[in-house]
PDB file of all heavy atoms in Angstrom:
ATOM      1  N   VAL A   1     -65.236   5.323  62.536  1.00  0.00           N
ATOM      2  CA  VAL A   1     -65.172   4.438  61.374  1.00  0.00           C
ATOM      3  C   VAL A   1     -64.928   3.021  61.875  1.00  0.00           C
ATOM      4  O   VAL A   1     -64.147   2.807  62.804  1.00  0.00           O
ATOM      5  CB  VAL A   1     -64.024   4.833  60.412  1.00  0.00           C
ATOM      6  CG1 VAL A   1     -64.069   3.981  59.146  1.00  0.00           C
ATOM      7  CG2 VAL A   1     -64.080   6.301  60.050  1.00  0.00           C
ATOM      8  N   THR A   2     -65.593   2.056  61.238  1.00  0.00           N
ATOM      9  CA  THR A   2     -65.392   0.645  61.547  1.00  0.00           C
ATOM     10  C   THR A   2     -65.308  -0.140  60.246  1.00  0.00           C
ATOM     11  O   THR A   2     -65.549   0.415  59.168  1.00  0.00           O
ATOM     12  CB  THR A   2     -66.516   0.098  62.459  1.00  0.00           C
ATOM     13  OG1 THR A   2     -66.173  -1.216  62.900  1.00  0.00           O
ATOM     14  CG2 THR A   2     -67.857   0.066  61.748  1.00  0.00           C
ATOM     15  N   HIS A   3     -64.969  -1.407  60.355  1.00  0.00           N
ATOM     16  CA  HIS A   3     -64.912  -2.278  59.175  1.00  0.00           C
ATOM     17  C   HIS A   3     -66.332  -2.592  58.699  1.00  0.00           C
ATOM     18  O   HIS A   3     -67.271  -2.598  59.487  1.00  0.00           O
ATOM     19  CB  HIS A   3     -64.144  -3.565  59.478  1.00  0.00           C
ATOM     20  CG  HIS A   3     -64.720  -4.342  60.626  1.00  0.00           C
ATOM     21  ND1 HIS A   3     -64.567  -3.948  61.943  1.00  0.00           N
ATOM     22  CD2 HIS A   3     -65.455  -5.471  60.666  1.00  0.00           C
ATOM     23  CE1 HIS A   3     -65.173  -4.800  62.727  1.00  0.00           C
ATOM     24  NE2 HIS A   3     -65.728  -5.747  61.985  1.00  0.00           N
ATOM     25  N   SER A   4     -66.481  -2.837  57.409  1.00  0.00           N
ATOM     26  CA  SER A   4     -67.790  -3.206  56.871  1.00  0.00           C
ATOM     27  C   SER A   4     -67.809  -4.642  56.369  1.00  0.00           C
ATOM     28  O   SER A   4     -68.842  -5.149  55.956  1.00  0.00           O
ATOM     29  CB  SER A   4     -68.197  -2.261  55.733  1.00  0.00           C
ATOM     30  OG  SER A   4     -67.269  -2.344  54.674  1.00  0.00           O
ATOM     31  N   ASP A   5     -66.653  -5.293  56.396  1.00  0.00           N
ATOM     32  CA  ASP A   5     -66.567  -6.699  56.015  1.00  0.00           C
ATOM     33  C   ASP A   5     -65.383  -7.311  56.751  1.00  0.00           C
ATOM     34  O   ASP A   5     -64.638  -6.615  57.427  1.00  0.00           O
ATOM     35  CB  ASP A   5     -66.441  -6.869  54.490  1.00  0.00           C
ATOM     36  CG  ASP A   5     -65.192  -6.215  53.927  1.00  0.00           C
ATOM     37  OD1 ASP A   5     -64.121  -6.242  54.572  1.00  0.00           O
ATOM     38  OD2 ASP A   5     -65.273  -5.657  52.815  1.00  0.00           O
ATOM     39  N   LYS A   6     -65.219  -8.614  56.627  1.00  0.00           N
ATOM     40  CA  LYS A   6     -64.119  -9.272  57.344  1.00  0.00           C
ATOM     41  C   LYS A   6     -62.933  -9.566  56.444  1.00  0.00           C
ATOM     42  O   LYS A   6     -62.104 -10.410  56.766  1.00  0.00           O
ATOM     43  CB  LYS A   6     -64.621 -10.524  58.058  1.00  0.00           C
ATOM     44  CG  LYS A   6     -65.271 -11.543  57.178  1.00  0.00           C
ATOM     45  CD  LYS A   6     -65.800 -12.688  58.024  1.00  0.00           C
ATOM     46  CE  LYS A   6     -66.571 -13.650  57.140  1.00  0.00           C
ATOM     47  NZ  LYS A   6     -67.148 -14.737  57.894  1.00  0.00           N
ATOM     48  N   SER A   7     -62.821  -8.825  55.342  1.00  0.00           N
ATOM     49  CA  SER A   7     -61.642  -8.991  54.488  1.00  0.00           C
ATOM     50  C   SER A   7     -60.390  -8.590  55.272  1.00  0.00           C
ATOM     51  O   SER A   7     -60.453  -7.778  56.197  1.00  0.00           O
ATOM     52  CB  SER A   7     -61.767  -8.129  53.226  1.00  0.00           C
ATOM     53  OG  SER A   7     -61.758  -6.753  53.583  1.00  0.00           O
ATOM     54  N   LEU A   8     -59.258  -9.187  54.915  1.00  0.00           N
ATOM     55  CA  LEU A   8     -58.014  -8.881  55.607  1.00  0.00           C
ATOM     56  C   LEU A   8     -57.518  -7.496  55.199  1.00  0.00           C
ATOM     57  O   LEU A   8     -57.568  -7.129  54.030  1.00  0.00           O
ATOM     58  CB  LEU A   8     -56.973  -9.952  55.303  1.00  0.00           C
ATOM     59  CG  LEU A   8     -57.352 -11.356  55.776  1.00  0.00           C
ATOM     60  CD1 LEU A   8     -56.274 -12.359  55.403  1.00  0.00           C
ATOM     61  CD2 LEU A   8     -57.611 -11.380  57.276  1.00  0.00           C
ATOM     62  N   LYS A   9     -57.052  -6.737  56.194  1.00  0.00           N
ATOM     63  CA  LYS A   9     -56.606  -5.368  55.984  1.00  0.00           C
ATOM     64  C   LYS A   9     -55.183  -5.208  56.517  1.00  0.00           C
ATOM     65  O   LYS A   9     -54.776  -5.914  57.422  1.00  0.00           O
ATOM     66  CB  LYS A   9     -57.550  -4.402  56.709  1.00  0.00           C
ATOM     67  CG  LYS A   9     -58.986  -4.477  56.213  1.00  0.00           C
ATOM     68  CD  LYS A   9     -59.959  -4.041  57.294  1.00  0.00           C
ATOM     69  CE  LYS A   9     -61.398  -4.236  56.904  1.00  0.00           C
ATOM     70  NZ  LYS A   9     -61.812  -5.612  56.724  1.00  0.00           N
ATOM     71  N   ARG A  10     -54.459  -4.247  55.973  1.00  0.00           N
ATOM     72  CA  ARG A  10     -53.117  -3.919  56.475  1.00  0.00           C
ATOM     73  C   ARG A  10     -52.880  -2.425  56.542  1.00  0.00           C
ATOM     74  O   ARG A  10     -52.494  -1.912  57.572  1.00  0.00           O
ATOM     75  CB  ARG A  10     -52.036  -4.545  55.592  1.00  0.00           C
ATOM     76  CG  ARG A  10     -51.723  -5.945  55.984  1.00  0.00           C
ATOM     77  CD  ARG A  10     -50.348  -6.326  55.553  1.00  0.00           C
ATOM     78  NE  ARG A  10     -50.169  -7.724  55.892  1.00  0.00           N
ATOM     79  CZ  ARG A  10     -49.021  -8.288  56.068  1.00  0.00           C
ATOM     80  NH1 ARG A  10     -47.928  -7.618  55.900  1.00  0.00           N
ATOM     81  NH2 ARG A  10     -48.957  -9.557  56.389  1.00  0.00           N
ATOM     82  N   ASN A  11     -53.039  -1.734  55.425  1.00  0.00           N
ATOM     83  CA  ASN A  11     -52.738  -0.311  55.344  1.00  0.00           C
ATOM     84  C   ASN A  11     -53.983   0.443  54.909  1.00  0.00           C
ATOM     85  O   ASN A  11     -54.542   0.164  53.855  1.00  0.00           O
ATOM     86  CB  ASN A  11     -51.592  -0.077  54.359  1.00  0.00           C
ATOM     87  CG  ASN A  11     -50.340  -0.829  54.777  1.00  0.00           C
ATOM     88  OD1 ASN A  11     -49.933  -0.769  55.927  1.00  0.00           O
ATOM     89  ND2 ASN A  11     -49.753  -1.564  53.855  1.00  0.00           N
ATOM     90  N   LEU A  12     -54.406   1.383  55.735  1.00  0.00           N
ATOM     91  CA  LEU A  12     -55.640   2.117  55.482  1.00  0.00           C
ATOM     92  C   LEU A  12     -55.396   3.617  55.585  1.00  0.00           C
ATOM     93  O   LEU A  12     -54.606   4.063  56.417  1.00  0.00           O
ATOM     94  CB  LEU A  12     -56.716   1.711  56.499  1.00  0.00           C
ATOM     95  CG  LEU A  12     -57.067   0.224  56.589  1.00  0.00           C
ATOM     96  CD1 LEU A  12     -58.009  -0.021  57.769  1.00  0.00           C
ATOM     97  CD2 LEU A  12     -57.708  -0.243  55.296  1.00  0.00           C
ATOM     98  N   SER A  13     -56.102   4.381  54.757  1.00  0.00           N
ATOM     99  CA  SER A  13     -56.004   5.842  54.785  1.00  0.00           C
ATOM    100  C   SER A  13     -57.387   6.446  54.971  1.00  0.00           C
ATOM    101  O   SER A  13     -58.354   6.012  54.348  1.00  0.00           O
ATOM    102  CB  SER A  13     -55.406   6.360  53.477  1.00  0.00           C
ATOM    103  OG  SER A  13     -54.097   5.891  53.313  1.00  0.00           O
ATOM    104  N   PHE A  14     -57.463   7.460  55.818  1.00  0.00           N
ATOM    105  CA  PHE A  14     -58.695   8.155  56.148  1.00  0.00           C
ATOM    106  C   PHE A  14     -58.440   9.655  56.092  1.00  0.00           C
ATOM    107  O   PHE A  14     -57.289  10.099  56.158  1.00  0.00           O
ATOM    108  CB  PHE A  14     -59.149   7.819  57.579  1.00  0.00           C
ATOM    109  CG  PHE A  14     -59.273   6.343  57.853  1.00  0.00           C
ATOM    110  CD1 PHE A  14     -58.163   5.590  58.220  1.00  0.00           C
ATOM    111  CD2 PHE A  14     -60.504   5.706  57.743  1.00  0.00           C
ATOM    112  CE1 PHE A  14     -58.274   4.231  58.471  1.00  0.00           C
ATOM    113  CE2 PHE A  14     -60.627   4.350  58.002  1.00  0.00           C
ATOM    114  CZ  PHE A  14     -59.513   3.610  58.361  1.00  0.00           C
ATOM    115  N   VAL A  15     -59.505  10.427  56.024  1.00  0.00           N
ATOM    116  CA  VAL A  15     -59.405  11.881  56.210  1.00  0.00           C
ATOM    117  C   VAL A  15     -60.445  12.269  57.248  1.00  0.00           C
ATOM    118  O   VAL A  15     -61.628  11.953  57.106  1.00  0.00           O
ATOM    119  CB  VAL A  15     -59.628  12.660  54.894  1.00  0.00           C
ATOM    120  CG1 VAL A  15     -59.600  14.168  55.164  1.00  0.00           C
ATOM    121  CG2 VAL A  15     -58.571  12.282  53.852  1.00  0.00           C
ATOM    122  N   TRP A  16     -59.958  12.978  58.292  1.00  0.00           N
ATOM    123  CA  TRP A  16     -60.804  13.457  59.376  1.00  0.00           C
ATOM    124  C   TRP A  16     -60.957  14.957  59.234  1.00  0.00           C
ATOM    125  O   TRP A  16     -59.977  15.653  58.941  1.00  0.00           O
ATOM    126  CB  TRP A  16     -60.148  13.107  60.711  1.00  0.00           C
ATOM    127  CG  TRP A  16     -60.826  13.639  61.931  1.00  0.00           C
ATOM    128  CD1 TRP A  16     -61.915  13.114  62.559  1.00  0.00           C
ATOM    129  CD2 TRP A  16     -60.441  14.788  62.696  1.00  0.00           C
ATOM    130  NE1 TRP A  16     -62.224  13.858  63.668  1.00  0.00           N
ATOM    131  CE2 TRP A  16     -61.335  14.892  63.763  1.00  0.00           C
ATOM    132  CE3 TRP A  16     -59.422  15.730  62.572  1.00  0.00           C
ATOM    133  CZ2 TRP A  16     -61.257  15.915  64.722  1.00  0.00           C
ATOM    134  CZ3 TRP A  16     -59.335  16.746  63.508  1.00  0.00           C
ATOM    135  CH2 TRP A  16     -60.244  16.833  64.572  1.00  0.00           C
ATOM    136  N   LYS A  17     -62.168  15.462  59.434  1.00  0.00           N
ATOM    137  CA  LYS A  17     -62.418  16.901  59.373  1.00  0.00           C
ATOM    138  C   LYS A  17     -62.671  17.411  60.779  1.00  0.00           C
ATOM    139  O   LYS A  17     -63.566  16.930  61.487  1.00  0.00           O
ATOM    140  CB  LYS A  17     -63.613  17.217  58.481  1.00  0.00           C
ATOM    141  CG  LYS A  17     -63.847  18.720  58.317  1.00  0.00           C
ATOM    142  CD  LYS A  17     -65.024  19.001  57.409  1.00  0.00           C
ATOM    143  CE  LYS A  17     -65.226  20.490  57.222  1.00  0.00           C
ATOM    144  NZ  LYS A  17     -65.573  21.212  58.432  1.00  0.00           N
ATOM    145  N   ALA A  18     -61.862  18.389  61.164  1.00  0.00           N
ATOM    146  CA  ALA A  18     -62.019  19.011  62.477  1.00  0.00           C
ATOM    147  C   ALA A  18     -63.300  19.840  62.500  1.00  0.00           C
ATOM    148  O   ALA A  18     -63.691  20.410  61.482  1.00  0.00           O
ATOM    149  CB  ALA A  18     -60.816  19.908  62.773  1.00  0.00           C
ATOM    150  N   PRO A  19     -63.940  19.920  63.661  1.00  0.00           N
ATOM    151  CA  PRO A  19     -65.110  20.805  63.767  1.00  0.00           C
ATOM    152  C   PRO A  19     -64.717  22.244  63.446  1.00  0.00           C
ATOM    153  O   PRO A  19     -63.555  22.623  63.582  1.00  0.00           O
ATOM    154  CB  PRO A  19     -65.530  20.678  65.234  1.00  0.00           C
ATOM    155  CG  PRO A  19     -64.935  19.386  65.701  1.00  0.00           C
ATOM    156  CD  PRO A  19     -63.665  19.220  64.918  1.00  0.00           C
ATOM    157  N   ASP A  20     -65.698  23.034  63.036  1.00  0.00           N
ATOM    158  CA  ASP A  20     -65.423  24.438  62.697  1.00  0.00           C
ATOM    159  C   ASP A  20     -65.131  25.290  63.932  1.00  0.00           C
ATOM    160  O   ASP A  20     -64.492  26.331  63.821  1.00  0.00           O
ATOM    161  CB  ASP A  20     -66.605  25.038  61.911  1.00  0.00           C
ATOM    162  CG  ASP A  20     -66.732  24.402  60.530  1.00  0.00           C
ATOM    163  OD1 ASP A  20     -65.700  23.985  59.959  1.00  0.00           O
ATOM    164  OD2 ASP A  20     -67.871  24.309  60.036  1.00  0.00           O
ATOM    165  N   GLN A  21     -65.598  24.860  65.096  1.00  0.00           N
ATOM    166  CA  GLN A  21     -65.296  25.588  66.332  1.00  0.00           C
ATOM    167  C   GLN A  21     -64.072  24.958  67.002  1.00  0.00           C
ATOM    168  O   GLN A  21     -63.814  23.763  66.836  1.00  0.00           O
ATOM    169  CB  GLN A  21     -66.507  25.594  67.273  1.00  0.00           C
ATOM    170  CG  GLN A  21     -66.822  24.271  67.955  1.00  0.00           C
ATOM    171  CD  GLN A  21     -67.574  23.269  67.081  1.00  0.00           C
ATOM    172  OE1 GLN A  21     -67.842  23.516  65.916  1.00  0.00           O
ATOM    173  NE2 GLN A  21     -67.897  22.121  67.652  1.00  0.00           N
ATOM    174  N   PRO A  22     -63.299  25.733  67.745  1.00  0.00           N
ATOM    175  CA  PRO A  22     -62.110  25.189  68.425  1.00  0.00           C
ATOM    176  C   PRO A  22     -62.483  24.096  69.427  1.00  0.00           C
ATOM    177  O   PRO A  22     -63.464  24.222  70.155  1.00  0.00           O
ATOM    178  CB  PRO A  22     -61.529  26.401  69.160  1.00  0.00           C
ATOM    179  CG  PRO A  22     -62.113  27.597  68.472  1.00  0.00           C
ATOM    180  CD  PRO A  22     -63.463  27.177  67.969  1.00  0.00           C
ATOM    181  N   ILE A  23     -61.685  23.023  69.431  1.00  0.00           N
ATOM    182  CA  ILE A  23     -61.916  21.921  70.386  1.00  0.00           C
ATOM    183  C   ILE A  23     -60.653  21.563  71.163  1.00  0.00           C
ATOM    184  O   ILE A  23     -60.681  20.712  72.032  1.00  0.00           O
ATOM    185  CB  ILE A  23     -62.455  20.655  69.686  1.00  0.00           C
ATOM    186  CG1 ILE A  23     -61.485  20.167  68.608  1.00  0.00           C
ATOM    187  CG2 ILE A  23     -63.856  20.889  69.145  1.00  0.00           C
ATOM    188  CD1 ILE A  23     -61.770  18.769  68.103  1.00  0.00           C
ATOM    189  N   GLY A  24     -59.518  22.171  70.819  1.00  0.00           N
ATOM    190  CA  GLY A  24     -58.273  21.860  71.512  1.00  0.00           C
ATOM    191  C   GLY A  24     -57.527  20.721  70.830  1.00  0.00           C
ATOM    192  O   GLY A  24     -57.887  20.280  69.735  1.00  0.00           O
ATOM    193  N   ASP A  25     -56.482  20.256  71.492  1.00  0.00           N
ATOM    194  CA  ASP A  25     -55.639  19.194  70.952  1.00  0.00           C
ATOM    195  C   ASP A  25     -56.429  17.890  70.849  1.00  0.00           C
ATOM    196  O   ASP A  25     -57.339  17.634  71.644  1.00  0.00           O
ATOM    197  CB  ASP A  25     -54.428  18.972  71.861  1.00  0.00           C
ATOM    198  CG  ASP A  25     -53.551  20.219  71.978  1.00  0.00           C
ATOM    199  OD1 ASP A  25     -53.745  21.171  71.185  1.00  0.00           O
ATOM    200  OD2 ASP A  25     -52.689  20.236  72.865  1.00  0.00           O
ATOM    201  N   ILE A  26     -56.054  17.074  69.872  1.00  0.00           N
ATOM    202  CA  ILE A  26     -56.733  15.787  69.676  1.00  0.00           C
ATOM    203  C   ILE A  26     -55.706  14.670  69.516  1.00  0.00           C
ATOM    204  O   ILE A  26     -54.533  14.909  69.237  1.00  0.00           O
ATOM    205  CB  ILE A  26     -57.687  15.807  68.447  1.00  0.00           C
ATOM    206  CG1 ILE A  26     -56.937  16.187  67.167  1.00  0.00           C
ATOM    207  CG2 ILE A  26     -58.856  16.719  68.665  1.00  0.00           C
ATOM    208  CD1 ILE A  26     -57.026  15.123  66.138  1.00  0.00           C
TER     209      ILE A  26
END
């Protein structure tokens, strides 16, 4: 994920989905 504009940011929330197969610690 990257920024799409140059607006000022401070606090951001995302949701990441792990692959369905095991990949180990991240």
